[in-house]
Amino acid sequence: MFVRIDSKHIVDNKLFDMCKTAEFNKDPTSVNIEFLDWWDRPETLLHQIFKQKVYDRGGYYCYEEDGKYLGGMGYYPFEEDENIFVLARMYICPDLGMKKTVDILMRLMTHVLITARDDYRAMILFMNSYNDWKLKCFDWAADPKRNKYTAFPNILTTVYDKKVRYKYTEQTAVYLDYNEDYAEEIEKCLQRITV
């Protein structure tokens, strides 16, 4: 089951418990999910949800199973062009095993993409350098033979060929022009934030 969370969400321990797992997670991306001192840390998920209200116009979706949130992913309109949504803050709790982790990740990605796609023309996501190794997963995610949950079968992502500065961090931009008519506009936006 998927649960939508924004700043109006009644705070529950399931969300806090999911964020607390980040403290023990070896994945460097988990630092942005951590619970500790979140009220004073603008890079954390909870700060972005409840203080910055980043997900009020999109949403942060948690995957719930057996009364626990096992992972989450959100989206919001891109500041450079509101016809594009930003896929953000992917997180899966540690120690679930590779098969379950991948399954939850694909479910979350598909759910968020299906939820957002009709209100936007394209999707973009930004990855820190320590996540660059995950770039090879995107083609796999679009292959319906390998990913039974795919939202956009056989439509491949494009990796922008230069680094960008987004949210004060140098990152790799990956976009999905799922209507196949907006790539030029996406590239213009990315040129404005190219390092």
N, C-alpha and C. Protein backbone atom coordinates (compact mmCIF):
# COMPACT_ATOMS: atom_id res chain seq x y z
N MET A 1 0.84 -1.18 0.00
CA MET A 1 0.00 0.00 0.00
C MET A 1 0.89 1.25 0.00
N PHE A 2 0.44 2.29 -0.68
CA PHE A 2 1.17 3.54 -0.75
C PHE A 2 0.46 4.60 0.08
N VAL A 3 1.23 5.38 0.81
CA VAL A 3 0.69 6.43 1.65
C VAL A 3 1.30 7.75 1.20
N ARG A 4 0.45 8.72 0.85
CA ARG A 4 0.93 10.04 0.43
C ARG A 4 1.17 10.89 1.67
N ILE A 5 2.31 11.57 1.67
CA ILE A 5 2.68 12.41 2.81
C ILE A 5 3.05 13.79 2.30
N ASP A 6 2.52 14.81 2.97
CA ASP A 6 2.93 16.19 2.73
C ASP A 6 2.91 16.90 4.08
N SER A 7 3.02 18.22 4.10
CA SER A 7 3.15 18.94 5.37
C SER A 7 1.89 18.86 6.23
N LYS A 8 0.77 18.49 5.64
CA LYS A 8 -0.48 18.38 6.41
C LYS A 8 -0.70 16.97 6.98
N HIS A 9 0.22 16.07 6.67
CA HIS A 9 0.12 14.68 7.13
C HIS A 9 0.20 14.63 8.66
N ILE A 10 -0.67 13.86 9.24
CA ILE A 10 -0.61 13.66 10.69
C ILE A 10 0.64 12.83 10.96
N VAL A 11 1.55 13.42 11.69
CA VAL A 11 2.84 12.77 11.94
C VAL A 11 2.61 11.45 12.66
N ASP A 12 3.19 10.40 12.10
CA ASP A 12 3.05 9.09 12.72
C ASP A 12 4.43 8.48 12.94
N ASN A 13 4.50 7.53 13.83
CA ASN A 13 5.78 6.91 14.15
C ASN A 13 6.33 6.09 12.99
N LYS A 14 5.48 5.65 12.07
CA LYS A 14 5.97 4.86 10.94
C LYS A 14 6.94 5.67 10.09
N LEU A 15 6.64 6.94 9.87
CA LEU A 15 7.53 7.79 9.09
C LEU A 15 8.83 8.04 9.86
N PHE A 16 8.71 8.34 11.14
CA PHE A 16 9.91 8.56 11.96
C PHE A 16 10.75 7.29 12.03
N ASP A 17 10.09 6.15 12.18
CA ASP A 17 10.84 4.88 12.26
C ASP A 17 11.59 4.61 10.96
N MET A 18 10.96 4.89 9.82
CA MET A 18 11.65 4.71 8.54
C MET A 18 12.88 5.60 8.49
N CYS A 19 12.73 6.85 8.89
CA CYS A 19 13.86 7.79 8.85
C CYS A 19 14.95 7.38 9.84
N LYS A 20 14.58 6.79 10.94
CA LYS A 20 15.59 6.35 11.92
C LYS A 20 16.46 5.23 11.36
N THR A 21 15.94 4.43 10.42
CA THR A 21 16.76 3.36 9.85
C THR A 21 17.94 3.92 9.06
N ALA A 22 17.84 5.16 8.62
CA ALA A 22 18.92 5.78 7.86
C ALA A 22 20.19 5.94 8.69
N GLU A 23 20.03 6.04 10.00
CA GLU A 23 21.20 6.20 10.87
C GLU A 23 22.11 4.98 10.81
N PHE A 24 21.56 3.82 10.44
CA PHE A 24 22.33 2.58 10.40
C PHE A 24 22.61 2.11 8.98
N ASN A 25 22.20 2.92 8.01
CA ASN A 25 22.33 2.56 6.62
C ASN A 25 23.70 2.99 6.11
N LYS A 26 24.38 2.08 5.42
CA LYS A 26 25.72 2.38 4.90
C LYS A 26 25.68 3.17 3.58
N ASP A 27 24.52 3.23 2.95
CA ASP A 27 24.37 3.99 1.71
C ASP A 27 24.54 5.48 2.02
N PRO A 28 25.46 6.17 1.34
CA PRO A 28 25.69 7.59 1.65
C PRO A 28 24.46 8.48 1.42
N THR A 29 23.53 8.04 0.59
CA THR A 29 22.34 8.86 0.35
C THR A 29 21.43 8.91 1.57
N SER A 30 21.59 7.98 2.48
CA SER A 30 20.71 7.92 3.64
C SER A 30 20.89 9.10 4.58
N VAL A 31 21.99 9.82 4.48
CA VAL A 31 22.21 10.98 5.35
C VAL A 31 21.10 12.02 5.17
N ASN A 32 20.50 12.07 3.99
CA ASN A 32 19.41 13.01 3.73
C ASN A 32 18.06 12.53 4.27
N ILE A 33 18.01 11.34 4.79
CA ILE A 33 16.78 10.79 5.33
C ILE A 33 16.81 10.79 6.87
N GLU A 34 17.97 10.92 7.44
CA GLU A 34 18.17 10.78 8.89
C GLU A 34 17.17 11.58 9.71
N PHE A 35 16.84 11.00 10.84
CA PHE A 35 15.88 11.56 11.79
C PHE A 35 16.54 12.55 12.75
N LEU A 36 17.76 12.27 13.15
CA LEU A 36 18.46 13.03 14.18
C LEU A 36 18.56 14.52 13.81
N ASP A 37 18.06 15.38 14.69
CA ASP A 37 18.11 16.85 14.51
C ASP A 37 17.48 17.33 13.22
N TRP A 38 16.50 16.62 12.69
CA TRP A 38 15.94 16.97 11.39
C TRP A 38 15.36 18.38 11.36
N TRP A 39 14.87 18.87 12.48
CA TRP A 39 14.22 20.19 12.51
C TRP A 39 15.20 21.30 12.11
N ASP A 40 16.48 21.07 12.37
CA ASP A 40 17.52 22.06 12.07
C ASP A 40 18.38 21.68 10.87
N ARG A 41 17.99 20.67 10.13
CA ARG A 41 18.78 20.20 8.99
C ARG A 41 17.94 20.25 7.71
N PRO A 42 18.07 21.33 6.93
CA PRO A 42 17.22 21.51 5.74
C PRO A 42 17.42 20.45 4.66
N GLU A 43 18.52 19.70 4.70
CA GLU A 43 18.74 18.66 3.69
C GLU A 43 17.96 17.39 3.97
N THR A 44 17.37 17.27 5.16
CA THR A 44 16.70 16.01 5.52
C THR A 44 15.27 15.95 4.98
N LEU A 45 14.82 14.74 4.79
CA LEU A 45 13.47 14.50 4.27
C LEU A 45 12.40 15.14 5.16
N LEU A 46 12.48 14.92 6.45
CA LEU A 46 11.44 15.44 7.35
C LEU A 46 11.40 16.97 7.33
N HIS A 47 12.54 17.61 7.27
CA HIS A 47 12.59 19.07 7.17
C HIS A 47 11.92 19.52 5.87
N GLN A 48 12.23 18.83 4.77
CA GLN A 48 11.65 19.21 3.49
C GLN A 48 10.13 18.99 3.47
N ILE A 49 9.67 17.94 4.13
CA ILE A 49 8.23 17.70 4.17
C ILE A 49 7.52 18.71 5.06
N PHE A 50 7.97 18.84 6.30
CA PHE A 50 7.19 19.58 7.29
C PHE A 50 7.55 21.05 7.44
N LYS A 51 8.79 21.45 7.20
CA LYS A 51 9.15 22.86 7.33
C LYS A 51 9.16 23.57 5.98
N GLN A 52 9.79 22.96 4.99
CA GLN A 52 9.89 23.60 3.67
C GLN A 52 8.64 23.38 2.82
N LYS A 53 7.87 22.36 3.15
CA LYS A 53 6.63 22.02 2.42
C LYS A 53 6.90 21.71 0.94
N VAL A 54 8.06 21.11 0.67
CA VAL A 54 8.48 20.80 -0.70
C VAL A 54 7.48 19.89 -1.40
N TYR A 55 6.90 18.96 -0.68
CA TYR A 55 6.06 17.94 -1.31
C TYR A 55 4.57 18.26 -1.29
N ASP A 56 4.20 19.47 -0.92
CA ASP A 56 2.78 19.82 -0.87
C ASP A 56 2.14 19.84 -2.26
N ARG A 57 2.90 20.19 -3.30
CA ARG A 57 2.34 20.24 -4.66
C ARG A 57 2.56 18.95 -5.43
N GLY A 58 3.23 18.04 -4.87
CA GLY A 58 3.42 16.73 -5.49
C GLY A 58 3.04 15.69 -4.44
N GLY A 59 4.03 15.23 -3.73
CA GLY A 59 3.78 14.30 -2.64
C GLY A 59 5.00 13.44 -2.39
N TYR A 60 5.10 12.96 -1.18
CA TYR A 60 6.09 11.95 -0.85
C TYR A 60 5.31 10.69 -0.55
N TYR A 61 5.66 9.60 -1.21
CA TYR A 61 4.91 8.35 -1.09
C TYR A 61 5.75 7.30 -0.37
N CYS A 62 5.17 6.76 0.67
CA CYS A 62 5.81 5.67 1.39
C CYS A 62 5.14 4.36 1.02
N TYR A 63 5.95 3.32 0.91
CA TYR A 63 5.43 1.98 0.66
C TYR A 63 5.27 1.32 2.02
N GLU A 64 4.03 0.93 2.33
CA GLU A 64 3.73 0.33 3.63
C GLU A 64 3.45 -1.16 3.49
N GLU A 65 4.05 -1.92 4.39
CA GLU A 65 3.83 -3.37 4.43
C GLU A 65 3.93 -3.81 5.90
N ASP A 66 2.99 -4.59 6.34
CA ASP A 66 2.96 -5.09 7.71
C ASP A 66 3.08 -3.97 8.74
N GLY A 67 2.40 -2.85 8.49
CA GLY A 67 2.37 -1.75 9.46
C GLY A 67 3.64 -0.92 9.53
N LYS A 68 4.55 -1.08 8.55
CA LYS A 68 5.80 -0.31 8.54
C LYS A 68 6.00 0.31 7.17
N TYR A 69 6.62 1.49 7.16
CA TYR A 69 7.05 2.09 5.90
C TYR A 69 8.42 1.52 5.58
N LEU A 70 8.53 0.85 4.43
CA LEU A 70 9.78 0.22 4.04
C LEU A 70 10.61 1.05 3.07
N GLY A 71 10.01 2.11 2.57
CA GLY A 71 10.73 2.97 1.64
C GLY A 71 9.84 4.12 1.21
N GLY A 72 10.44 5.06 0.50
CA GLY A 72 9.68 6.20 0.03
C GLY A 72 10.33 6.88 -1.15
N MET A 73 9.54 7.71 -1.81
CA MET A 73 9.99 8.47 -2.96
C MET A 73 8.98 9.59 -3.18
N GLY A 74 9.46 10.75 -3.59
CA GLY A 74 8.54 11.85 -3.79
C GLY A 74 8.76 12.57 -5.10
N TYR A 75 7.89 13.54 -5.34
CA TYR A 75 8.05 14.39 -6.52
C TYR A 75 7.46 15.76 -6.23
N TYR A 76 7.94 16.73 -6.99
CA TYR A 76 7.45 18.11 -6.89
C TYR A 76 7.76 18.82 -8.20
N PRO A 77 7.10 19.95 -8.48
CA PRO A 77 7.37 20.69 -9.73
C PRO A 77 8.80 21.24 -9.74
N PHE A 78 9.44 21.16 -10.89
CA PHE A 78 10.79 21.68 -11.08
C PHE A 78 10.74 23.21 -11.08
N GLU A 79 11.61 23.83 -10.33
CA GLU A 79 11.63 25.28 -10.19
C GLU A 79 11.90 26.00 -11.51
N GLU A 80 12.62 25.37 -12.40
CA GLU A 80 12.97 25.99 -13.69
C GLU A 80 11.85 25.91 -14.71
N ASP A 81 10.94 24.95 -14.56
CA ASP A 81 9.85 24.75 -15.51
C ASP A 81 8.82 23.83 -14.86
N GLU A 82 7.68 24.36 -14.55
CA GLU A 82 6.67 23.58 -13.82
C GLU A 82 5.94 22.56 -14.68
N ASN A 83 6.35 22.42 -15.95
CA ASN A 83 5.85 21.32 -16.78
C ASN A 83 6.65 20.05 -16.54
N ILE A 84 7.70 20.17 -15.74
CA ILE A 84 8.59 19.05 -15.43
C ILE A 84 8.48 18.76 -13.93
N PHE A 85 8.43 17.49 -13.57
CA PHE A 85 8.48 17.18 -12.15
C PHE A 85 9.82 16.55 -11.79
N VAL A 86 10.23 16.81 -10.56
CA VAL A 86 11.48 16.28 -10.04
C VAL A 86 11.15 15.05 -9.19
N LEU A 87 11.78 13.96 -9.51
CA LEU A 87 11.67 12.73 -8.73
C LEU A 87 12.75 12.82 -7.65
N ALA A 88 12.38 12.66 -6.39
CA ALA A 88 13.34 12.96 -5.32
C ALA A 88 13.22 12.04 -4.11
N ARG A 89 14.33 12.00 -3.37
CA ARG A 89 14.44 11.36 -2.07
C ARG A 89 14.01 9.89 -2.08
N MET A 90 14.57 9.16 -3.04
CA MET A 90 14.37 7.70 -3.05
C MET A 90 15.05 7.12 -1.82
N TYR A 91 14.33 6.29 -1.12
CA TYR A 91 14.94 5.64 0.04
C TYR A 91 14.26 4.29 0.29
N ILE A 92 15.08 3.29 0.55
CA ILE A 92 14.60 1.96 0.93
C ILE A 92 15.31 1.59 2.23
N CYS A 93 14.57 1.11 3.20
CA CYS A 93 15.17 0.71 4.47
C CYS A 93 16.24 -0.36 4.22
N PRO A 94 17.29 -0.34 5.02
CA PRO A 94 18.37 -1.32 4.83
C PRO A 94 17.96 -2.71 5.29
N ASP A 95 18.75 -3.69 4.90
CA ASP A 95 18.62 -5.08 5.37
C ASP A 95 17.33 -5.77 4.95
N LEU A 96 16.78 -5.40 3.81
CA LEU A 96 15.58 -6.08 3.30
C LEU A 96 15.94 -7.18 2.31
N GLY A 97 17.20 -7.24 1.93
CA GLY A 97 17.63 -8.17 0.90
C GLY A 97 17.51 -7.51 -0.46
N MET A 98 18.36 -7.92 -1.38
CA MET A 98 18.41 -7.27 -2.70
C MET A 98 17.11 -7.42 -3.47
N LYS A 99 16.52 -8.61 -3.50
CA LYS A 99 15.31 -8.83 -4.28
C LYS A 99 14.16 -7.95 -3.78
N LYS A 100 13.95 -7.91 -2.47
CA LYS A 100 12.87 -7.11 -1.91
C LYS A 100 13.15 -5.62 -2.10
N THR A 101 14.40 -5.21 -1.93
CA THR A 101 14.78 -3.81 -2.12
C THR A 101 14.46 -3.36 -3.54
N VAL A 102 14.86 -4.14 -4.53
CA VAL A 102 14.60 -3.79 -5.92
C VAL A 102 13.10 -3.79 -6.20
N ASP A 103 12.37 -4.76 -5.66
CA ASP A 103 10.92 -4.83 -5.85
C ASP A 103 10.24 -3.57 -5.30
N ILE A 104 10.60 -3.17 -4.09
CA ILE A 104 10.00 -1.98 -3.49
C ILE A 104 10.38 -0.74 -4.28
N LEU A 105 11.62 -0.64 -4.69
CA LEU A 105 12.08 0.50 -5.48
C LEU A 105 11.28 0.62 -6.78
N MET A 106 11.10 -0.49 -7.49
CA MET A 106 10.35 -0.46 -8.75
C MET A 106 8.88 -0.13 -8.51
N ARG A 107 8.31 -0.66 -7.44
CA ARG A 107 6.91 -0.33 -7.11
C ARG A 107 6.75 1.16 -6.83
N LEU A 108 7.66 1.69 -5.99
CA LEU A 108 7.59 3.12 -5.65
C LEU A 108 7.76 3.99 -6.89
N MET A 109 8.77 3.68 -7.69
CA MET A 109 9.03 4.49 -8.88
C MET A 109 7.82 4.47 -9.81
N THR A 110 7.27 3.30 -10.02
CA THR A 110 6.11 3.18 -10.91
C THR A 110 4.92 3.94 -10.35
N HIS A 111 4.66 3.79 -9.06
CA HIS A 111 3.53 4.49 -8.45
C HIS A 111 3.67 6.01 -8.58
N VAL A 112 4.85 6.52 -8.27
CA VAL A 112 5.06 7.97 -8.34
C VAL A 112 4.97 8.45 -9.78
N LEU A 113 5.58 7.73 -10.72
CA LEU A 113 5.52 8.14 -12.12
C LEU A 113 4.09 8.14 -12.65
N ILE A 114 3.32 7.11 -12.32
CA ILE A 114 1.93 7.05 -12.78
C ILE A 114 1.10 8.16 -12.14
N THR A 115 1.36 8.45 -10.87
CA THR A 115 0.63 9.51 -10.18
C THR A 115 0.93 10.88 -10.79
N ALA A 116 2.18 11.11 -11.15
CA ALA A 116 2.60 12.45 -11.61
C ALA A 116 2.46 12.67 -13.12
N ARG A 117 2.54 11.64 -13.91
CA ARG A 117 2.75 11.82 -15.35
C ARG A 117 1.69 12.63 -16.08
N ASP A 118 0.44 12.56 -15.69
CA ASP A 118 -0.60 13.27 -16.42
C ASP A 118 -0.62 14.77 -16.15
N ASP A 119 0.04 15.19 -15.07
CA ASP A 119 0.06 16.61 -14.72
C ASP A 119 1.31 17.32 -15.22
N TYR A 120 2.22 16.59 -15.86
CA TYR A 120 3.49 17.15 -16.30
C TYR A 120 3.82 16.63 -17.69
N ARG A 121 4.84 17.23 -18.31
CA ARG A 121 5.26 16.81 -19.64
C ARG A 121 6.50 15.93 -19.61
N ALA A 122 7.26 16.00 -18.48
CA ALA A 122 8.50 15.24 -18.40
C ALA A 122 8.92 15.10 -16.94
N MET A 123 9.90 14.23 -16.72
CA MET A 123 10.43 13.98 -15.39
C MET A 123 11.94 14.20 -15.39
N ILE A 124 12.45 14.67 -14.25
CA ILE A 124 13.89 14.82 -14.10
C ILE A 124 14.27 14.36 -12.71
N LEU A 125 15.48 13.84 -12.59
CA LEU A 125 16.00 13.56 -11.26
C LEU A 125 17.47 13.91 -11.25
N PHE A 126 17.95 14.21 -10.07
CA PHE A 126 19.33 14.64 -9.88
C PHE A 126 20.02 13.65 -8.97
N MET A 127 21.26 13.29 -9.34
CA MET A 127 22.00 12.29 -8.59
C MET A 127 23.36 12.82 -8.19
N ASN A 128 23.70 12.65 -6.92
CA ASN A 128 25.05 12.99 -6.45
C ASN A 128 26.04 12.01 -7.06
N SER A 129 27.30 12.38 -7.05
CA SER A 129 28.34 11.55 -7.69
C SER A 129 28.39 10.15 -7.11
N TYR A 130 28.11 9.98 -5.82
CA TYR A 130 28.16 8.64 -5.24
C TYR A 130 27.00 7.76 -5.68
N ASN A 131 26.06 8.32 -6.42
CA ASN A 131 24.96 7.54 -6.97
C ASN A 131 25.11 7.29 -8.46
N ASP A 132 26.16 7.82 -9.07
CA ASP A 132 26.32 7.66 -10.52
C ASP A 132 26.30 6.19 -10.96
N TRP A 133 26.72 5.30 -10.11
CA TRP A 133 26.72 3.88 -10.47
C TRP A 133 25.30 3.37 -10.72
N LYS A 134 24.30 4.05 -10.19
CA LYS A 134 22.90 3.63 -10.37
C LYS A 134 22.34 4.01 -11.73
N LEU A 135 23.09 4.80 -12.50
CA LEU A 135 22.60 5.24 -13.80
C LEU A 135 22.26 4.07 -14.72
N LYS A 136 23.00 2.98 -14.60
CA LYS A 136 22.74 1.82 -15.46
C LYS A 136 21.41 1.14 -15.17
N CYS A 137 20.81 1.44 -14.03
CA CYS A 137 19.54 0.82 -13.65
C CYS A 137 18.34 1.36 -14.43
N PHE A 138 18.46 2.56 -15.00
CA PHE A 138 17.31 3.18 -15.62
C PHE A 138 16.84 2.46 -16.87
N ASP A 139 17.75 2.00 -17.70
CA ASP A 139 17.34 1.25 -18.89
C ASP A 139 16.67 -0.05 -18.49
N TRP A 140 17.20 -0.68 -17.46
CA TRP A 140 16.61 -1.92 -16.94
C TRP A 140 15.19 -1.66 -16.44
N ALA A 141 14.98 -0.51 -15.78
CA ALA A 141 13.66 -0.19 -15.23
C ALA A 141 12.61 0.02 -16.31
N ALA A 142 13.03 0.41 -17.52
CA ALA A 142 12.09 0.66 -18.61
C ALA A 142 11.76 -0.60 -19.42
N ASP A 143 12.47 -1.68 -19.14
CA ASP A 143 12.29 -2.93 -19.88
C ASP A 143 11.19 -3.78 -19.23
N PRO A 144 10.03 -3.92 -19.89
CA PRO A 144 8.93 -4.67 -19.27
C PRO A 144 9.25 -6.15 -19.04
N LYS A 145 10.25 -6.68 -19.73
CA LYS A 145 10.64 -8.07 -19.49
C LYS A 145 11.40 -8.21 -18.18
N ARG A 146 12.05 -7.15 -17.76
CA ARG A 146 12.85 -7.17 -16.53
C ARG A 146 12.15 -6.49 -15.36
N ASN A 147 11.22 -5.59 -15.65
CA ASN A 147 10.53 -4.84 -14.60
C ASN A 147 9.03 -4.88 -14.87
N LYS A 148 8.35 -5.75 -14.17
CA LYS A 148 6.91 -5.92 -14.40
C LYS A 148 6.08 -4.69 -13.99
N TYR A 149 6.69 -3.76 -13.26
CA TYR A 149 5.97 -2.57 -12.80
C TYR A 149 6.20 -1.34 -13.67
N THR A 150 6.97 -1.44 -14.73
CA THR A 150 7.39 -0.25 -15.48
C THR A 150 6.20 0.63 -15.88
N ALA A 151 6.38 1.94 -15.67
CA ALA A 151 5.33 2.91 -16.01
C ALA A 151 5.43 3.38 -17.45
N PHE A 152 6.66 3.38 -18.00
CA PHE A 152 6.89 3.83 -19.37
C PHE A 152 7.69 2.77 -20.11
N PRO A 153 7.03 1.70 -20.55
CA PRO A 153 7.75 0.62 -21.21
C PRO A 153 8.57 1.10 -22.41
N ASN A 154 9.85 0.72 -22.38
CA ASN A 154 10.77 0.96 -23.49
C ASN A 154 11.05 2.43 -23.82
N ILE A 155 10.68 3.35 -22.92
CA ILE A 155 11.05 4.75 -23.10
C ILE A 155 12.25 4.99 -22.19
N LEU A 156 13.39 5.27 -22.80
CA LEU A 156 14.63 5.35 -22.04
C LEU A 156 14.91 6.77 -21.53
N THR A 157 15.60 6.83 -20.41
CA THR A 157 16.01 8.10 -19.85
C THR A 157 17.22 8.63 -20.62
N THR A 158 17.46 9.92 -20.45
CA THR A 158 18.62 10.57 -21.04
C THR A 158 19.45 11.16 -19.91
N VAL A 159 20.75 10.88 -19.95
CA VAL A 159 21.66 11.47 -18.98
C VAL A 159 22.22 12.75 -19.60
N TYR A 160 21.99 13.88 -18.93
CA TYR A 160 22.52 15.16 -19.41
C TYR A 160 24.04 15.09 -19.40
N ASP A 161 24.68 15.58 -20.45
CA ASP A 161 26.12 15.36 -20.65
C ASP A 161 27.03 16.28 -19.85
N LYS A 162 26.49 17.17 -19.04
CA LYS A 162 27.30 18.05 -18.19
C LYS A 162 26.77 17.98 -16.76
N LYS A 163 27.60 18.31 -15.81
CA LYS A 163 27.16 18.39 -14.42
C LYS A 163 26.34 19.66 -14.23
N VAL A 164 25.39 19.60 -13.33
CA VAL A 164 24.56 20.76 -12.99
C VAL A 164 24.69 21.05 -11.50
N ARG A 165 24.33 22.28 -11.13
CA ARG A 165 24.27 22.63 -9.71
C ARG A 165 22.80 22.76 -9.35
N TYR A 166 22.33 21.83 -8.52
CA TYR A 166 20.94 21.83 -8.09
C TYR A 166 20.91 21.64 -6.58
N LYS A 167 20.16 22.50 -5.93
CA LYS A 167 20.08 22.46 -4.46
C LYS A 167 21.48 22.56 -3.85
N TYR A 168 22.27 23.47 -4.39
CA TYR A 168 23.62 23.79 -3.88
C TYR A 168 24.62 22.65 -4.03
N THR A 169 24.31 21.67 -4.86
CA THR A 169 25.18 20.51 -5.00
C THR A 169 25.41 20.21 -6.47
N GLU A 170 26.65 19.89 -6.82
CA GLU A 170 26.96 19.47 -8.18
C GLU A 170 26.42 18.05 -8.37
N GLN A 171 25.63 17.86 -9.42
CA GLN A 171 24.95 16.59 -9.61
C GLN A 171 24.85 16.21 -11.09
N THR A 172 24.46 14.97 -11.31
CA THR A 172 24.14 14.47 -12.63
C THR A 172 22.63 14.56 -12.81
N ALA A 173 22.20 15.09 -13.94
CA ALA A 173 20.76 15.18 -14.24
C ALA A 173 20.38 14.05 -15.20
N VAL A 174 19.28 13.41 -14.90
CA VAL A 174 18.72 12.34 -15.73
C VAL A 174 17.28 12.74 -16.01
N TYR A 175 16.88 12.70 -17.27
CA TYR A 175 15.50 13.08 -17.55
C TYR A 175 14.79 12.05 -18.41
N LEU A 176 13.48 12.10 -18.31
CA LEU A 176 12.60 11.21 -19.07
C LEU A 176 11.57 12.08 -19.79
N ASP A 177 11.72 12.17 -21.10
CA ASP A 177 10.78 12.92 -21.94
C ASP A 177 9.72 11.92 -22.41
N TYR A 178 8.83 11.55 -21.50
CA TYR A 178 7.90 10.45 -21.80
C TYR A 178 6.85 10.79 -22.83
N ASN A 179 6.62 12.07 -23.10
CA ASN A 179 5.74 12.45 -24.21
C ASN A 179 6.51 12.59 -25.51
N GLU A 180 7.82 12.49 -25.39
CA GLU A 180 8.73 12.54 -26.54
C GLU A 180 8.58 13.82 -27.37
N ASP A 181 8.31 14.94 -26.65
CA ASP A 181 8.17 16.22 -27.34
C ASP A 181 8.70 17.40 -26.52
N TYR A 182 9.44 17.11 -25.45
CA TYR A 182 9.83 18.19 -24.54
C TYR A 182 11.33 18.24 -24.26
N ALA A 183 12.11 17.44 -24.94
CA ALA A 183 13.55 17.36 -24.67
C ALA A 183 14.25 18.70 -24.83
N GLU A 184 13.88 19.48 -25.83
CA GLU A 184 14.53 20.77 -26.06
C GLU A 184 14.32 21.71 -24.87
N GLU A 185 13.11 21.72 -24.34
CA GLU A 185 12.81 22.57 -23.17
C GLU A 185 13.56 22.09 -21.93
N ILE A 186 13.64 20.79 -21.77
CA ILE A 186 14.39 20.23 -20.63
C ILE A 186 15.85 20.65 -20.72
N GLU A 187 16.43 20.52 -21.90
CA GLU A 187 17.83 20.88 -22.10
C GLU A 187 18.06 22.37 -21.81
N LYS A 188 17.14 23.23 -22.21
CA LYS A 188 17.26 24.67 -21.92
C LYS A 188 17.31 24.91 -20.41
N CYS A 189 16.45 24.23 -19.68
CA CYS A 189 16.43 24.36 -18.21
C CYS A 189 17.76 23.91 -17.62
N LEU A 190 18.26 22.79 -18.11
CA LEU A 190 19.51 22.25 -17.58
C LEU A 190 20.70 23.15 -17.93
N GLN A 191 20.67 23.77 -19.10
CA GLN A 191 21.74 24.70 -19.46
C GLN A 191 21.84 25.86 -18.48
N ARG A 192 20.70 26.29 -17.95
CA ARG A 192 20.70 27.41 -16.99
C ARG A 192 21.36 27.05 -15.68
N ILE A 193 21.41 25.75 -15.35
CA ILE A 193 22.02 25.34 -14.07
C ILE A 193 23.29 24.51 -14.26
N THR A 194 23.81 24.52 -15.50
CA THR A 194 25.04 23.78 -15.79
C THR A 194 26.20 24.42 -15.06
N VAL A 195 27.07 23.56 -14.52
CA VAL A 195 28.26 24.02 -13.78
C VAL A 195 29.25 24.61 -14.76
